Amino acid sequence: MVFDYRRYEPDNLTLAQLAAERGGKAVVFTDTWLSPVSAHADVVLPSRAASTSPYDSFVPTLAVIETVVAHVIAALGSAARDHLQRTEATARRAGLV
């Protein structure tokens, strides 16, 4: 998973290229201008980052992430739900939530 938006990070491109050379898969979350990593990604998930404010908004990106996570959990079924429950129990025990 790579998150790369305007003012793209050269390290992200290097990591994606190295992963591809080793047979890895890359999923890139990027803006509508498309990160250079997109050329090496198996899946490209662009979302609009521009807004009327002086800075970019990542609210659309969060919606895409939530959608992907929901579908992965649904696809994995009870194993994913069990894992999440164990993770949440550990976080509670550690006082993180």
PDB file of N, CA and C in Angstrom:
ATOM      1  N   MET A   1       0.844  -1.167   0.000  1.00  0.00           N
ATOM      2  CA  MET A   1       0.000   0.000   0.000  1.00  0.00           C
ATOM      3  C   MET A   1       0.892   1.233   0.000  1.00  0.00           C
ATOM      4  N   VAL A   2       0.598   2.126  -0.916  1.00  0.00           N
ATOM      5  CA  VAL A   2       1.345   3.373  -1.004  1.00  0.00           C
ATOM      6  C   VAL A   2       0.333   4.513  -1.017  1.00  0.00           C
ATOM      7  N   PHE A   3       0.602   5.525  -0.213  1.00  0.00           N
ATOM      8  CA  PHE A   3      -0.204   6.738  -0.206  1.00  0.00           C
ATOM      9  C   PHE A   3       0.699   7.839  -0.742  1.00  0.00           C
ATOM     10  N   ASP A   4       0.366   8.358  -1.922  1.00  0.00           N
ATOM     11  CA  ASP A   4       1.251   9.343  -2.551  1.00  0.00           C
ATOM     12  C   ASP A   4       0.416  10.410  -3.248  1.00  0.00           C
ATOM     13  N   TYR A   5       0.564  11.637  -2.761  1.00  0.00           N
ATOM     14  CA  TYR A   5      -0.213  12.767  -3.264  1.00  0.00           C
ATOM     15  C   TYR A   5       0.727  13.872  -3.710  1.00  0.00           C
ATOM     16  N   ARG A   6       0.163  14.896  -4.380  1.00  0.00           N
ATOM     17  CA  ARG A   6       0.989  15.995  -4.907  1.00  0.00           C
ATOM     18  C   ARG A   6       2.116  16.341  -3.965  1.00  0.00           C
ATOM     19  N   ARG A   7       3.213  16.714  -4.575  1.00  0.00           N
ATOM     20  CA  ARG A   7       4.519  16.820  -3.931  1.00  0.00           C
ATOM     21  C   ARG A   7       4.995  15.402  -3.653  1.00  0.00           C
ATOM     22  N   TYR A   8       4.792  14.573  -4.661  1.00  0.00           N
ATOM     23  CA  TYR A   8       5.047  13.135  -4.577  1.00  0.00           C
ATOM     24  C   TYR A   8       6.419  12.832  -3.984  1.00  0.00           C
ATOM     25  N   GLU A   9       6.467  11.774  -3.192  1.00  0.00           N
ATOM     26  CA  GLU A   9       7.692  11.386  -2.509  1.00  0.00           C
ATOM     27  C   GLU A   9       8.511  10.435  -3.381  1.00  0.00           C
ATOM     28  N   PRO A  10       9.734  10.796  -3.737  1.00  0.00           N
ATOM     29  CA  PRO A  10      10.568   9.920  -4.563  1.00  0.00           C
ATOM     30  C   PRO A  10      10.785   8.536  -3.942  1.00  0.00           C
ATOM     31  N   ASP A  11      10.841   8.477  -2.617  1.00  0.00           N
ATOM     32  CA  ASP A  11      11.029   7.180  -1.946  1.00  0.00           C
ATOM     33  C   ASP A  11       9.887   6.220  -2.239  1.00  0.00           C
ATOM     34  N   ASN A  12       8.664   6.742  -2.371  1.00  0.00           N
ATOM     35  CA  ASN A  12       7.523   5.879  -2.684  1.00  0.00           C
ATOM     36  C   ASN A  12       7.712   5.207  -4.043  1.00  0.00           C
ATOM     37  N   LEU A  13       8.205   5.959  -5.006  1.00  0.00           N
ATOM     38  CA  LEU A  13       8.437   5.402  -6.334  1.00  0.00           C
ATOM     39  C   LEU A  13       9.509   4.322  -6.271  1.00  0.00           C
ATOM     40  N   THR A  14      10.576   4.582  -5.562  1.00  0.00           N
ATOM     41  CA  THR A  14      11.660   3.600  -5.428  1.00  0.00           C
ATOM     42  C   THR A  14      11.146   2.318  -4.785  1.00  0.00           C
ATOM     43  N   LEU A  15      10.374   2.443  -3.712  1.00  0.00           N
ATOM     44  CA  LEU A  15       9.845   1.259  -3.036  1.00  0.00           C
ATOM     45  C   LEU A  15       8.907   0.460  -3.936  1.00  0.00           C
ATOM     46  N   ALA A  16       8.072   1.142  -4.702  1.00  0.00           N
ATOM     47  CA  ALA A  16       7.156   0.454  -5.616  1.00  0.00           C
ATOM     48  C   ALA A  16       7.933  -0.280  -6.710  1.00  0.00           C
ATOM     49  N   GLN A  17       8.979   0.352  -7.231  1.00  0.00           N
ATOM     50  CA  GLN A  17       9.802  -0.294  -8.255  1.00  0.00           C
ATOM     51  C   GLN A  17      10.501  -1.530  -7.685  1.00  0.00           C
ATOM     52  N   LEU A  18      11.047  -1.417  -6.489  1.00  0.00           N
ATOM     53  CA  LEU A  18      11.714  -2.560  -5.863  1.00  0.00           C
ATOM     54  C   LEU A  18      10.733  -3.692  -5.589  1.00  0.00           C
ATOM     55  N   ALA A  19       9.537  -3.354  -5.123  1.00  0.00           N
ATOM     56  CA  ALA A  19       8.521  -4.380  -4.874  1.00  0.00           C
ATOM     57  C   ALA A  19       8.148  -5.091  -6.172  1.00  0.00           C
ATOM     58  N   ALA A  20       7.969  -4.328  -7.245  1.00  0.00           N
ATOM     59  CA  ALA A  20       7.614  -4.928  -8.536  1.00  0.00           C
ATOM     60  C   ALA A  20       8.720  -5.841  -9.037  1.00  0.00           C
ATOM     61  N   GLU A  21       9.982  -5.438  -8.869  1.00  0.00           N
ATOM     62  CA  GLU A  21      11.115  -6.270  -9.292  1.00  0.00           C
ATOM     63  C   GLU A  21      11.137  -7.606  -8.556  1.00  0.00           C
ATOM     64  N   ARG A  22      10.638  -7.616  -7.340  1.00  0.00           N
ATOM     65  CA  ARG A  22      10.651  -8.825  -6.523  1.00  0.00           C
ATOM     66  C   ARG A  22       9.321  -9.589  -6.585  1.00  0.00           C
ATOM     67  N   GLY A  23       8.462  -9.187  -7.502  1.00  0.00           N
ATOM     68  CA  GLY A  23       7.188  -9.888  -7.672  1.00  0.00           C
ATOM     69  C   GLY A  23       6.095  -9.425  -6.731  1.00  0.00           C
ATOM     70  N   GLY A  24       6.325  -8.332  -6.026  1.00  0.00           N
ATOM     71  CA  GLY A  24       5.325  -7.813  -5.106  1.00  0.00           C
ATOM     72  C   GLY A  24       4.205  -7.096  -5.836  1.00  0.00           C
ATOM     73  N   LYS A  25       3.147  -6.868  -5.135  1.00  0.00           N
ATOM     74  CA  LYS A  25       1.991  -6.152  -5.665  1.00  0.00           C
ATOM     75  C   LYS A  25       1.905  -4.792  -4.978  1.00  0.00           C
ATOM     76  N   ALA A  26       1.494  -3.783  -5.717  1.00  0.00           N
ATOM     77  CA  ALA A  26       1.369  -2.442  -5.156  1.00  0.00           C
ATOM     78  C   ALA A  26      -0.036  -1.904  -5.390  1.00  0.00           C
ATOM     79  N   VAL A  27      -0.588  -1.328  -4.337  1.00  0.00           N
ATOM     80  CA  VAL A  27      -1.848  -0.600  -4.413  1.00  0.00           C
ATOM     81  C   VAL A  27      -1.510   0.832  -4.043  1.00  0.00           C
ATOM     82  N   VAL A  28      -1.847   1.777  -4.913  1.00  0.00           N
ATOM     83  CA  VAL A  28      -1.529   3.174  -4.631  1.00  0.00           C
ATOM     84  C   VAL A  28      -2.810   3.986  -4.484  1.00  0.00           C
ATOM     85  N   PHE A  29      -2.870   4.710  -3.381  1.00  0.00           N
ATOM     86  CA  PHE A  29      -3.911   5.695  -3.151  1.00  0.00           C
ATOM     87  C   PHE A  29      -3.267   7.014  -3.557  1.00  0.00           C
ATOM     88  N   THR A  30      -3.891   7.739  -4.476  1.00  0.00           N
ATOM     89  CA  THR A  30      -3.276   8.954  -5.000  1.00  0.00           C
ATOM     90  C   THR A  30      -4.350   9.971  -5.365  1.00  0.00           C
ATOM     91  N   ASP A  31      -3.927  11.101  -5.867  1.00  0.00           N
ATOM     92  CA  ASP A  31      -4.856  12.137  -6.293  1.00  0.00           C
ATOM     93  C   ASP A  31      -5.195  11.956  -7.774  1.00  0.00           C
ATOM     94  N   THR A  32      -6.031  12.825  -8.279  1.00  0.00           N
ATOM     95  CA  THR A  32      -6.479  12.693  -9.670  1.00  0.00           C
ATOM     96  C   THR A  32      -5.381  12.979 -10.682  1.00  0.00           C
ATOM     97  N   TRP A  33      -4.281  13.579 -10.238  1.00  0.00           N
ATOM     98  CA  TRP A  33      -3.152  13.834 -11.139  1.00  0.00           C
ATOM     99  C   TRP A  33      -2.263  12.592 -11.268  1.00  0.00           C
ATOM    100  N   LEU A  34      -2.464  11.626 -10.429  1.00  0.00           N
ATOM    101  CA  LEU A  34      -1.791  10.322 -10.426  1.00  0.00           C
ATOM    102  C   LEU A  34      -0.301  10.392 -10.109  1.00  0.00           C
ATOM    103  N   SER A  35       0.015   9.819  -8.998  1.00  0.00           N
ATOM    104  CA  SER A  35       1.400   9.690  -8.558  1.00  0.00           C
ATOM    105  C   SER A  35       2.213   8.929  -9.594  1.00  0.00           C
ATOM    106  N   PRO A  36       3.519   9.210  -9.704  1.00  0.00           N
ATOM    107  CA  PRO A  36       4.377   8.416 -10.578  1.00  0.00           C
ATOM    108  C   PRO A  36       4.375   6.931 -10.199  1.00  0.00           C
ATOM    109  N   VAL A  37       4.050   6.626  -8.963  1.00  0.00           N
ATOM    110  CA  VAL A  37       3.961   5.231  -8.509  1.00  0.00           C
ATOM    111  C   VAL A  37       2.896   4.474  -9.294  1.00  0.00           C
ATOM    112  N   SER A  38       1.907   5.181  -9.806  1.00  0.00           N
ATOM    113  CA  SER A  38       0.813   4.548 -10.550  1.00  0.00           C
ATOM    114  C   SER A  38       1.306   3.665 -11.693  1.00  0.00           C
ATOM    115  N   ALA A  39       2.426   4.047 -12.291  1.00  0.00           N
ATOM    116  CA  ALA A  39       2.980   3.270 -13.407  1.00  0.00           C
ATOM    117  C   ALA A  39       3.453   1.890 -12.967  1.00  0.00           C
ATOM    118  N   HIS A  40       3.690   1.708 -11.679  1.00  0.00           N
ATOM    119  CA  HIS A  40       4.196   0.435 -11.160  1.00  0.00           C
ATOM    120  C   HIS A  40       3.180  -0.282 -10.283  1.00  0.00           C
ATOM    121  N   ALA A  41       1.982   0.263 -10.188  1.00  0.00           N
ATOM    122  CA  ALA A  41       0.973  -0.284  -9.283  1.00  0.00           C
ATOM    123  C   ALA A  41       0.067  -1.281  -9.992  1.00  0.00           C
ATOM    124  N   ASP A  42      -0.371  -2.261  -9.234  1.00  0.00           N
ATOM    125  CA  ASP A  42      -1.345  -3.219  -9.740  1.00  0.00           C
ATOM    126  C   ASP A  42      -2.753  -2.648  -9.632  1.00  0.00           C
ATOM    127  N   VAL A  43      -2.958  -1.815  -8.628  1.00  0.00           N
ATOM    128  CA  VAL A  43      -4.245  -1.155  -8.418  1.00  0.00           C
ATOM    129  C   VAL A  43      -3.967   0.309  -8.103  1.00  0.00           C
ATOM    130  N   VAL A  44      -4.680   1.201  -8.782  1.00  0.00           N
ATOM    131  CA  VAL A  44      -4.559   2.639  -8.549  1.00  0.00           C
ATOM    132  C   VAL A  44      -5.927   3.141  -8.104  1.00  0.00           C
ATOM    133  N   LEU A  45      -5.962   3.773  -6.923  1.00  0.00           N
ATOM    134  CA  LEU A  45      -7.211   4.284  -6.375  1.00  0.00           C
ATOM    135  C   LEU A  45      -7.099   5.802  -6.203  1.00  0.00           C
ATOM    136  N   PRO A  46      -7.431   6.542  -7.262  1.00  0.00           N
ATOM    137  CA  PRO A  46      -7.346   7.998  -7.162  1.00  0.00           C
ATOM    138  C   PRO A  46      -8.571   8.581  -6.464  1.00  0.00           C
ATOM    139  N   SER A  47      -8.356   9.682  -5.788  1.00  0.00           N
ATOM    140  CA  SER A  47      -9.471  10.433  -5.218  1.00  0.00           C
ATOM    141  C   SER A  47      -9.140  11.914  -5.297  1.00  0.00           C
ATOM    142  N   ARG A  48     -10.169  12.700  -5.301  1.00  0.00           N
ATOM    143  CA  ARG A  48     -10.001  14.149  -5.433  1.00  0.00           C
ATOM    144  C   ARG A  48      -9.425  14.719  -4.139  1.00  0.00           C
ATOM    145  N   ALA A  49      -8.347  15.470  -4.261  1.00  0.00           N
ATOM    146  CA  ALA A  49      -7.713  16.084  -3.084  1.00  0.00           C
ATOM    147  C   ALA A  49      -7.888  17.601  -3.090  1.00  0.00           C
ATOM    148  N   ALA A  50      -8.123  18.175  -4.265  1.00  0.00           N
ATOM    149  CA  ALA A  50      -8.265  19.630  -4.367  1.00  0.00           C
ATOM    150  C   ALA A  50      -9.544  20.078  -3.665  1.00  0.00           C
ATOM    151  N   SER A  51      -9.480  21.239  -3.063  1.00  0.00           N
ATOM    152  CA  SER A  51     -10.657  21.793  -2.410  1.00  0.00           C
ATOM    153  C   SER A  51     -10.643  23.309  -2.553  1.00  0.00           C
ATOM    154  N   THR A  52     -11.692  23.945  -2.077  1.00  0.00           N
ATOM    155  CA  THR A  52     -11.764  25.401  -2.166  1.00  0.00           C
ATOM    156  C   THR A  52     -10.919  26.077  -1.092  1.00  0.00           C
ATOM    157  N   SER A  53     -10.462  25.309  -0.121  1.00  0.00           N
ATOM    158  CA  SER A  53      -9.610  25.871   0.931  1.00  0.00           C
ATOM    159  C   SER A  53      -8.169  25.975   0.425  1.00  0.00           C
ATOM    160  N   PRO A  54      -7.294  26.623   1.170  1.00  0.00           N
ATOM    161  CA  PRO A  54      -5.905  26.779   0.724  1.00  0.00           C
ATOM    162  C   PRO A  54      -5.079  25.494   0.809  1.00  0.00           C
ATOM    163  N   TYR A  55      -5.653  24.423   1.314  1.00  0.00           N
ATOM    164  CA  TYR A  55      -4.925  23.156   1.415  1.00  0.00           C
ATOM    165  C   TYR A  55      -5.788  22.027   0.859  1.00  0.00           C
ATOM    166  N   ASP A  56      -5.129  20.936   0.508  1.00  0.00           N
ATOM    167  CA  ASP A  56      -5.850  19.786  -0.038  1.00  0.00           C
ATOM    168  C   ASP A  56      -6.631  19.083   1.069  1.00  0.00           C
ATOM    169  N   SER A  57      -7.725  18.442   0.684  1.00  0.00           N
ATOM    170  CA  SER A  57      -8.542  17.680   1.619  1.00  0.00           C
ATOM    171  C   SER A  57      -8.369  16.194   1.338  1.00  0.00           C
ATOM    172  N   PHE A  58      -8.215  15.430   2.397  1.00  0.00           N
ATOM    173  CA  PHE A  58      -8.085  13.985   2.241  1.00  0.00           C
ATOM    174  C   PHE A  58      -9.337  13.250   2.699  1.00  0.00           C
ATOM    175  N   VAL A  59     -10.437  13.965   2.872  1.00  0.00           N
ATOM    176  CA  VAL A  59     -11.703  13.345   3.223  1.00  0.00           C
ATOM    177  C   VAL A  59     -12.118  12.315   2.170  1.00  0.00           C
ATOM    178  N   PRO A  60     -12.027  12.629   0.873  1.00  0.00           N
ATOM    179  CA  PRO A  60     -12.375  11.614  -0.127  1.00  0.00           C
ATOM    180  C   PRO A  60     -11.474  10.374  -0.029  1.00  0.00           C
ATOM    181  N   THR A  61     -10.213  10.574   0.281  1.00  0.00           N
ATOM    182  CA  THR A  61      -9.296   9.451   0.437  1.00  0.00           C
ATOM    183  C   THR A  61      -9.733   8.559   1.592  1.00  0.00           C
ATOM    184  N   LEU A  62     -10.137   9.170   2.699  1.00  0.00           N
ATOM    185  CA  LEU A  62     -10.603   8.383   3.841  1.00  0.00           C
ATOM    186  C   LEU A  62     -11.826   7.555   3.469  1.00  0.00           C
ATOM    187  N   ALA A  63     -12.709   8.107   2.657  1.00  0.00           N
ATOM    188  CA  ALA A  63     -13.885   7.355   2.220  1.00  0.00           C
ATOM    189  C   ALA A  63     -13.472   6.143   1.383  1.00  0.00           C
ATOM    190  N   VAL A  64     -12.483   6.316   0.513  1.00  0.00           N
ATOM    191  CA  VAL A  64     -11.994   5.193  -0.300  1.00  0.00           C
ATOM    192  C   VAL A  64     -11.357   4.141   0.604  1.00  0.00           C
ATOM    193  N   ILE A  65     -10.540   4.562   1.570  1.00  0.00           N
ATOM    194  CA  ILE A  65      -9.904   3.619   2.488  1.00  0.00           C
ATOM    195  C   ILE A  65     -10.956   2.833   3.266  1.00  0.00           C
ATOM    196  N   GLU A  66     -11.950   3.522   3.792  1.00  0.00           N
ATOM    197  CA  GLU A  66     -13.004   2.847   4.550  1.00  0.00           C
ATOM    198  C   GLU A  66     -13.750   1.835   3.676  1.00  0.00           C
ATOM    199  N   THR A  67     -13.989   2.181   2.429  1.00  0.00           N
ATOM    200  CA  THR A  67     -14.668   1.266   1.512  1.00  0.00           C
ATOM    201  C   THR A  67     -13.817   0.032   1.245  1.00  0.00           C
ATOM    202  N   VAL A  68     -12.533   0.232   1.005  1.00  0.00           N
ATOM    203  CA  VAL A  68     -11.631  -0.894   0.760  1.00  0.00           C
ATOM    204  C   VAL A  68     -11.581  -1.800   1.985  1.00  0.00           C
ATOM    205  N   VAL A  69     -11.412  -1.217   3.161  1.00  0.00           N
ATOM    206  CA  VAL A  69     -11.336  -2.013   4.392  1.00  0.00           C
ATOM    207  C   VAL A  69     -12.626  -2.796   4.602  1.00  0.00           C
ATOM    208  N   ALA A  70     -13.768  -2.167   4.405  1.00  0.00           N
ATOM    209  CA  ALA A  70     -15.047  -2.853   4.584  1.00  0.00           C
ATOM    210  C   ALA A  70     -15.170  -4.053   3.645  1.00  0.00           C
ATOM    211  N   HIS A  71     -14.735  -3.889   2.409  1.00  0.00           N
ATOM    212  CA  HIS A  71     -14.834  -4.987   1.452  1.00  0.00           C
ATOM    213  C   HIS A  71     -13.826  -6.102   1.746  1.00  0.00           C
ATOM    214  N   VAL A  72     -12.653  -5.735   2.217  1.00  0.00           N
ATOM    215  CA  VAL A  72     -11.660  -6.754   2.588  1.00  0.00           C
ATOM    216  C   VAL A  72     -12.175  -7.565   3.770  1.00  0.00           C
ATOM    217  N   ILE A  73     -12.735  -6.882   4.758  1.00  0.00           N
ATOM    218  CA  ILE A  73     -13.280  -7.589   5.916  1.00  0.00           C
ATOM    219  C   ILE A  73     -14.417  -8.507   5.494  1.00  0.00           C
ATOM    220  N   ALA A  74     -15.289  -8.026   4.623  1.00  0.00           N
ATOM    221  CA  ALA A  74     -16.393  -8.856   4.143  1.00  0.00           C
ATOM    222  C   ALA A  74     -15.869 -10.069   3.379  1.00  0.00           C
ATOM    223  N   ALA A  75     -14.845  -9.871   2.563  1.00  0.00           N
ATOM    224  CA  ALA A  75     -14.291 -10.972   1.768  1.00  0.00           C
ATOM    225  C   ALA A  75     -13.597 -12.007   2.652  1.00  0.00           C
ATOM    226  N   LEU A  76     -12.936 -11.562   3.705  1.00  0.00           N
ATOM    227  CA  LEU A  76     -12.214 -12.483   4.588  1.00  0.00           C
ATOM    228  C   LEU A  76     -13.130 -13.152   5.597  1.00  0.00           C
ATOM    229  N   GLY A  77     -14.282 -12.556   5.829  1.00  0.00           N
ATOM    230  CA  GLY A  77     -15.278 -13.175   6.702  1.00  0.00           C
ATOM    231  C   GLY A  77     -14.902 -13.183   8.174  1.00  0.00           C
ATOM    232  N   SER A  78     -15.263 -14.282   8.848  1.00  0.00           N
ATOM    233  CA  SER A  78     -15.122 -14.354  10.301  1.00  0.00           C
ATOM    234  C   SER A  78     -13.671 -14.252  10.762  1.00  0.00           C
ATOM    235  N   ALA A  79     -12.722 -14.712   9.971  1.00  0.00           N
ATOM    236  CA  ALA A  79     -11.312 -14.615  10.369  1.00  0.00           C
ATOM    237  C   ALA A  79     -10.916 -13.151  10.565  1.00  0.00           C
ATOM    238  N   ALA A  80     -11.374 -12.275   9.677  1.00  0.00           N
ATOM    239  CA  ALA A  80     -11.058 -10.849   9.798  1.00  0.00           C
ATOM    240  C   ALA A  80     -11.740 -10.243  11.013  1.00  0.00           C
ATOM    241  N   ARG A  81     -13.001 -10.597  11.222  1.00  0.00           N
ATOM    242  CA  ARG A  81     -13.716 -10.064  12.386  1.00  0.00           C
ATOM    243  C   ARG A  81     -13.060 -10.534  13.685  1.00  0.00           C
ATOM    244  N   ASP A  82     -12.663 -11.805  13.740  1.00  0.00           N
ATOM    245  CA  ASP A  82     -11.990 -12.327  14.937  1.00  0.00           C
ATOM    246  C   ASP A  82     -10.678 -11.588  15.193  1.00  0.00           C
ATOM    247  N   HIS A  83      -9.927 -11.350  14.120  1.00  0.00           N
ATOM    248  CA  HIS A  83      -8.658 -10.627  14.245  1.00  0.00           C
ATOM    249  C   HIS A  83      -8.885  -9.211  14.773  1.00  0.00           C
ATOM    250  N   LEU A  84      -9.884  -8.522  14.227  1.00  0.00           N
ATOM    251  CA  LEU A  84     -10.191  -7.164  14.679  1.00  0.00           C
ATOM    252  C   LEU A  84     -10.606  -7.147  16.145  1.00  0.00           C
ATOM    253  N   GLN A  85     -11.390  -8.138  16.552  1.00  0.00           N
ATOM    254  CA  GLN A  85     -11.803  -8.202  17.956  1.00  0.00           C
ATOM    255  C   GLN A  85     -10.602  -8.407  18.871  1.00  0.00           C
ATOM    256  N   ARG A  86      -9.672  -9.281  18.472  1.00  0.00           N
ATOM    257  CA  ARG A  86      -8.459  -9.492  19.278  1.00  0.00           C
ATOM    258  C   ARG A  86      -7.616  -8.221  19.338  1.00  0.00           C
ATOM    259  N   THR A  87      -7.506  -7.530  18.209  1.00  0.00           N
ATOM    260  CA  THR A  87      -6.734  -6.286  18.163  1.00  0.00           C
ATOM    261  C   THR A  87      -7.362  -5.230  19.062  1.00  0.00           C
ATOM    262  N   GLU A  88      -8.679  -5.105  19.016  1.00  0.00           N
ATOM    263  CA  GLU A  88      -9.366  -4.128  19.858  1.00  0.00           C
ATOM    264  C   GLU A  88      -9.220  -4.480  21.336  1.00  0.00           C
ATOM    265  N   ALA A  89      -9.282  -5.765  21.671  1.00  0.00           N
ATOM    266  CA  ALA A  89      -9.098  -6.193  23.068  1.00  0.00           C
ATOM    267  C   ALA A  89      -7.683  -5.852  23.548  1.00  0.00           C
ATOM    268  N   THR A  90      -6.712  -6.049  22.681  1.00  0.00           N
ATOM    269  CA  THR A  90      -5.328  -5.717  23.035  1.00  0.00           C
ATOM    270  C   THR A  90      -5.181  -4.211  23.239  1.00  0.00           C
ATOM    271  N   ALA A  91      -5.800  -3.413  22.381  1.00  0.00           N
ATOM    272  CA  ALA A  91      -5.729  -1.953  22.509  1.00  0.00           C
ATOM    273  C   ALA A  91      -6.383  -1.500  23.813  1.00  0.00           C
ATOM    274  N   ARG A  92      -7.523  -2.098  24.162  1.00  0.00           N
ATOM    275  CA  ARG A  92      -8.171  -1.744  25.429  1.00  0.00           C
ATOM    276  C   ARG A  92      -7.285  -2.107  26.615  1.00  0.00           C
ATOM    277  N   ARG A  93      -6.721  -3.291  26.553  1.00  0.00           N
ATOM    278  CA  ARG A  93      -5.847  -3.759  27.640  1.00  0.00           C
ATOM    279  C   ARG A  93      -4.626  -2.855  27.808  1.00  0.00           C
ATOM    280  N   ALA A  94      -4.122  -2.324  26.705  1.00  0.00           N
ATOM    281  CA  ALA A  94      -2.970  -1.427  26.741  1.00  0.00           C
ATOM    282  C   ALA A  94      -3.355   0.002  27.071  1.00  0.00           C
ATOM    283  N   GLY A  95      -4.667   0.258  27.218  1.00  0.00           N
ATOM    284  CA  GLY A  95      -5.135   1.595  27.554  1.00  0.00           C
ATOM    285  C   GLY A  95      -5.135   2.560  26.386  1.00  0.00           C
ATOM    286  N   LEU A  96      -5.166   2.024  25.174  1.00  0.00           N
ATOM    287  CA  LEU A  96      -5.130   2.881  23.990  1.00  0.00           C
ATOM    288  C   LEU A  96      -6.509   3.359  23.568  1.00  0.00           C
ATOM    289  N   VAL A  97      -7.550   2.707  24.050  1.00  0.00           N
ATOM    290  CA  VAL A  97      -8.923   3.136  23.720  1.00  0.00           C
ATOM    291  C   VAL A  97      -9.765   3.182  24.974  1.00  0.00           C
TER     292      VAL A  97
END
